[in-house]
N, C-alpha and C. Protein backbone atom coordinates (compact mmCIF):
# COMPACT_ATOMS: atom_id res chain seq x y z
N MET A 1 0.84 -1.19 0.00
CA MET A 1 0.00 0.00 0.00
C MET A 1 0.88 1.25 0.00
N PRO A 2 0.43 2.30 -0.65
CA PRO A 2 1.23 3.52 -0.68
C PRO A 2 1.20 4.24 0.66
N ASN A 3 2.31 4.85 0.97
CA ASN A 3 2.46 5.62 2.20
C ASN A 3 2.78 7.07 1.84
N PRO A 4 2.51 8.02 2.74
CA PRO A 4 2.84 9.40 2.44
C PRO A 4 4.34 9.62 2.38
N LYS A 5 4.76 10.46 1.44
CA LYS A 5 6.20 10.75 1.30
C LYS A 5 6.67 11.67 2.41
N ARG A 6 5.84 12.64 2.79
CA ARG A 6 6.23 13.62 3.79
C ARG A 6 5.17 13.67 4.90
N ARG A 7 5.62 14.12 6.04
CA ARG A 7 4.71 14.27 7.18
C ARG A 7 3.88 15.54 7.00
N HIS A 8 2.56 15.46 7.31
CA HIS A 8 1.70 16.63 7.23
C HIS A 8 1.87 17.47 8.49
N SER A 9 1.87 18.78 8.34
CA SER A 9 2.06 19.68 9.48
C SER A 9 0.82 19.69 10.37
N LYS A 10 1.01 20.22 11.59
CA LYS A 10 -0.11 20.30 12.54
C LYS A 10 -1.19 21.24 12.04
N SER A 11 -0.78 22.33 11.40
CA SER A 11 -1.79 23.27 10.89
C SER A 11 -2.59 22.65 9.76
N ARG A 12 -1.96 21.86 8.94
CA ARG A 12 -2.68 21.20 7.86
C ARG A 12 -3.66 20.18 8.41
N ARG A 13 -3.24 19.46 9.43
CA ARG A 13 -4.12 18.50 10.10
C ARG A 13 -5.29 19.21 10.76
N ASP A 14 -5.01 20.31 11.45
CA ASP A 14 -6.06 21.03 12.17
C ASP A 14 -7.03 21.72 11.22
N LYS A 15 -6.55 22.18 10.07
CA LYS A 15 -7.45 22.78 9.09
C LYS A 15 -8.45 21.75 8.57
N ARG A 16 -8.03 20.52 8.46
CA ARG A 16 -8.92 19.46 8.00
C ARG A 16 -9.96 19.14 9.07
N ARG A 17 -9.60 19.28 10.33
CA ARG A 17 -10.47 18.89 11.43
C ARG A 17 -11.38 20.02 11.94
N THR A 18 -11.44 21.15 11.26
CA THR A 18 -12.22 22.28 11.78
C THR A 18 -13.70 21.97 11.86
N HIS A 19 -14.21 21.08 11.05
CA HIS A 19 -15.64 20.78 11.06
C HIS A 19 -16.02 19.78 12.14
N TYR A 20 -15.06 19.11 12.75
CA TYR A 20 -15.36 18.13 13.79
C TYR A 20 -15.35 18.84 15.13
N LYS A 21 -16.50 19.34 15.55
CA LYS A 21 -16.57 20.05 16.81
C LYS A 21 -17.86 19.68 17.53
N ALA A 22 -17.85 19.85 18.82
CA ALA A 22 -19.03 19.55 19.63
C ALA A 22 -20.01 20.72 19.54
N THR A 23 -21.28 20.41 19.49
CA THR A 23 -22.31 21.45 19.47
C THR A 23 -23.04 21.45 20.81
N ALA A 24 -23.46 22.61 21.23
CA ALA A 24 -24.18 22.74 22.48
C ALA A 24 -25.58 22.15 22.33
N PRO A 25 -26.09 21.47 23.35
CA PRO A 25 -27.43 20.91 23.25
C PRO A 25 -28.47 22.02 23.18
N THR A 26 -29.52 21.79 22.41
CA THR A 26 -30.57 22.80 22.27
C THR A 26 -31.58 22.63 23.39
N VAL A 27 -31.74 23.68 24.17
CA VAL A 27 -32.68 23.66 25.28
C VAL A 27 -33.71 24.76 25.06
N GLY A 28 -34.87 24.56 25.61
CA GLY A 28 -35.94 25.54 25.51
C GLY A 28 -36.89 25.40 26.68
N PRO A 29 -37.81 26.33 26.81
CA PRO A 29 -38.74 26.27 27.94
C PRO A 29 -39.84 25.23 27.70
N CYS A 30 -40.29 24.64 28.77
CA CYS A 30 -41.42 23.71 28.71
C CYS A 30 -42.70 24.53 28.54
N ALA A 31 -43.57 24.11 27.64
CA ALA A 31 -44.81 24.84 27.39
C ALA A 31 -45.78 24.72 28.56
N ASN A 32 -45.64 23.67 29.37
CA ASN A 32 -46.57 23.44 30.48
C ASN A 32 -46.12 24.15 31.76
N CYS A 33 -44.86 23.93 32.17
CA CYS A 33 -44.41 24.47 33.46
C CYS A 33 -43.40 25.60 33.33
N GLY A 34 -42.75 25.74 32.16
CA GLY A 34 -41.80 26.84 31.96
C GLY A 34 -40.37 26.53 32.32
N ASN A 35 -40.10 25.36 32.89
CA ASN A 35 -38.72 24.99 33.19
C ASN A 35 -37.97 24.67 31.91
N THR A 36 -36.64 24.80 31.94
CA THR A 36 -35.86 24.49 30.75
C THR A 36 -35.74 22.98 30.59
N LYS A 37 -35.78 22.53 29.34
CA LYS A 37 -35.68 21.10 29.03
C LYS A 37 -35.03 20.96 27.67
N LEU A 38 -34.55 19.77 27.37
CA LEU A 38 -34.03 19.49 26.04
C LEU A 38 -35.19 19.48 25.05
N THR A 39 -34.96 20.03 23.85
CA THR A 39 -36.02 20.05 22.86
C THR A 39 -36.29 18.63 22.37
N HIS A 40 -37.51 18.38 21.96
CA HIS A 40 -37.98 17.09 21.46
C HIS A 40 -37.88 15.98 22.50
N THR A 41 -37.98 16.34 23.78
CA THR A 41 -38.01 15.35 24.87
C THR A 41 -39.10 15.76 25.85
N ALA A 42 -39.54 14.81 26.65
CA ALA A 42 -40.52 15.12 27.69
C ALA A 42 -39.85 15.90 28.80
N CYS A 43 -40.61 16.78 29.43
CA CYS A 43 -40.08 17.61 30.52
C CYS A 43 -39.83 16.73 31.74
N PRO A 44 -38.62 16.76 32.31
CA PRO A 44 -38.35 15.90 33.47
C PRO A 44 -39.03 16.39 34.75
N SER A 45 -39.46 17.66 34.80
CA SER A 45 -40.05 18.17 36.03
C SER A 45 -41.57 17.99 36.09
N CYS A 46 -42.25 18.03 34.93
CA CYS A 46 -43.71 17.88 34.96
C CYS A 46 -44.20 16.65 34.19
N GLY A 47 -43.41 16.11 33.26
CA GLY A 47 -43.79 14.91 32.53
C GLY A 47 -44.60 15.15 31.28
N TYR A 48 -44.71 16.39 30.83
CA TYR A 48 -45.49 16.70 29.63
C TYR A 48 -44.59 16.81 28.41
N TYR A 49 -45.14 16.42 27.26
CA TYR A 49 -44.48 16.62 25.97
C TYR A 49 -45.55 16.88 24.93
N ASN A 50 -45.43 17.99 24.23
CA ASN A 50 -46.35 18.35 23.14
C ASN A 50 -47.81 18.43 23.63
N GLY A 51 -47.99 18.93 24.85
CA GLY A 51 -49.33 19.11 25.40
C GLY A 51 -49.95 17.87 26.00
N ARG A 52 -49.24 16.77 26.04
CA ARG A 52 -49.78 15.52 26.58
C ARG A 52 -48.94 15.05 27.77
N LYS A 53 -49.60 14.40 28.71
CA LYS A 53 -48.91 13.83 29.86
C LYS A 53 -48.27 12.51 29.44
N MET A 54 -46.95 12.43 29.50
CA MET A 54 -46.25 11.23 29.07
C MET A 54 -46.04 10.24 30.21
N PHE A 55 -45.79 10.76 31.41
CA PHE A 55 -45.59 9.87 32.56
C PHE A 55 -45.97 10.62 33.83
N GLU A 56 -46.32 9.85 34.85
CA GLU A 56 -46.68 10.41 36.15
C GLU A 56 -45.43 10.51 37.01
N LEU A 57 -45.38 11.53 37.85
CA LEU A 57 -44.26 11.71 38.77
C LEU A 57 -44.73 11.49 40.20
N ASN A 58 -43.86 10.88 41.02
CA ASN A 58 -44.13 10.71 42.45
C ASN A 58 -43.92 12.04 43.15
N SER A 59 -44.18 12.06 44.45
CA SER A 59 -43.91 13.26 45.23
C SER A 59 -42.41 13.51 45.36
N THR A 60 -41.60 12.45 45.17
CA THR A 60 -40.15 12.61 45.24
C THR A 60 -39.56 13.10 43.92
N GLY A 61 -40.36 13.12 42.86
CA GLY A 61 -39.88 13.60 41.57
C GLY A 61 -39.44 12.51 40.63
N SER A 62 -39.57 11.24 41.05
CA SER A 62 -39.19 10.13 40.17
C SER A 62 -40.43 9.61 39.45
N VAL A 63 -40.20 8.80 38.43
CA VAL A 63 -41.29 8.28 37.61
C VAL A 63 -42.08 7.25 38.41
N ALA A 64 -43.40 7.40 38.42
CA ALA A 64 -44.27 6.45 39.13
C ALA A 64 -44.46 5.21 38.28
N GLU A 65 -44.56 4.08 38.93
CA GLU A 65 -44.75 2.81 38.20
C GLU A 65 -46.17 2.34 38.26
């Protein structure tokens, strides 16, 4: 298999890697209670998503079974 003739510099390597970066998670307010939550997920504090109750919460704040 062919191998590179010369070593690539750090700047050349880093220029290639500029698009590989971490993005901040998108958060927004809950429509029901107003607390911040991840978008497209159920609210962990009230249990609502898209106007519907997805799960019940105990008095301790955990999911009821």
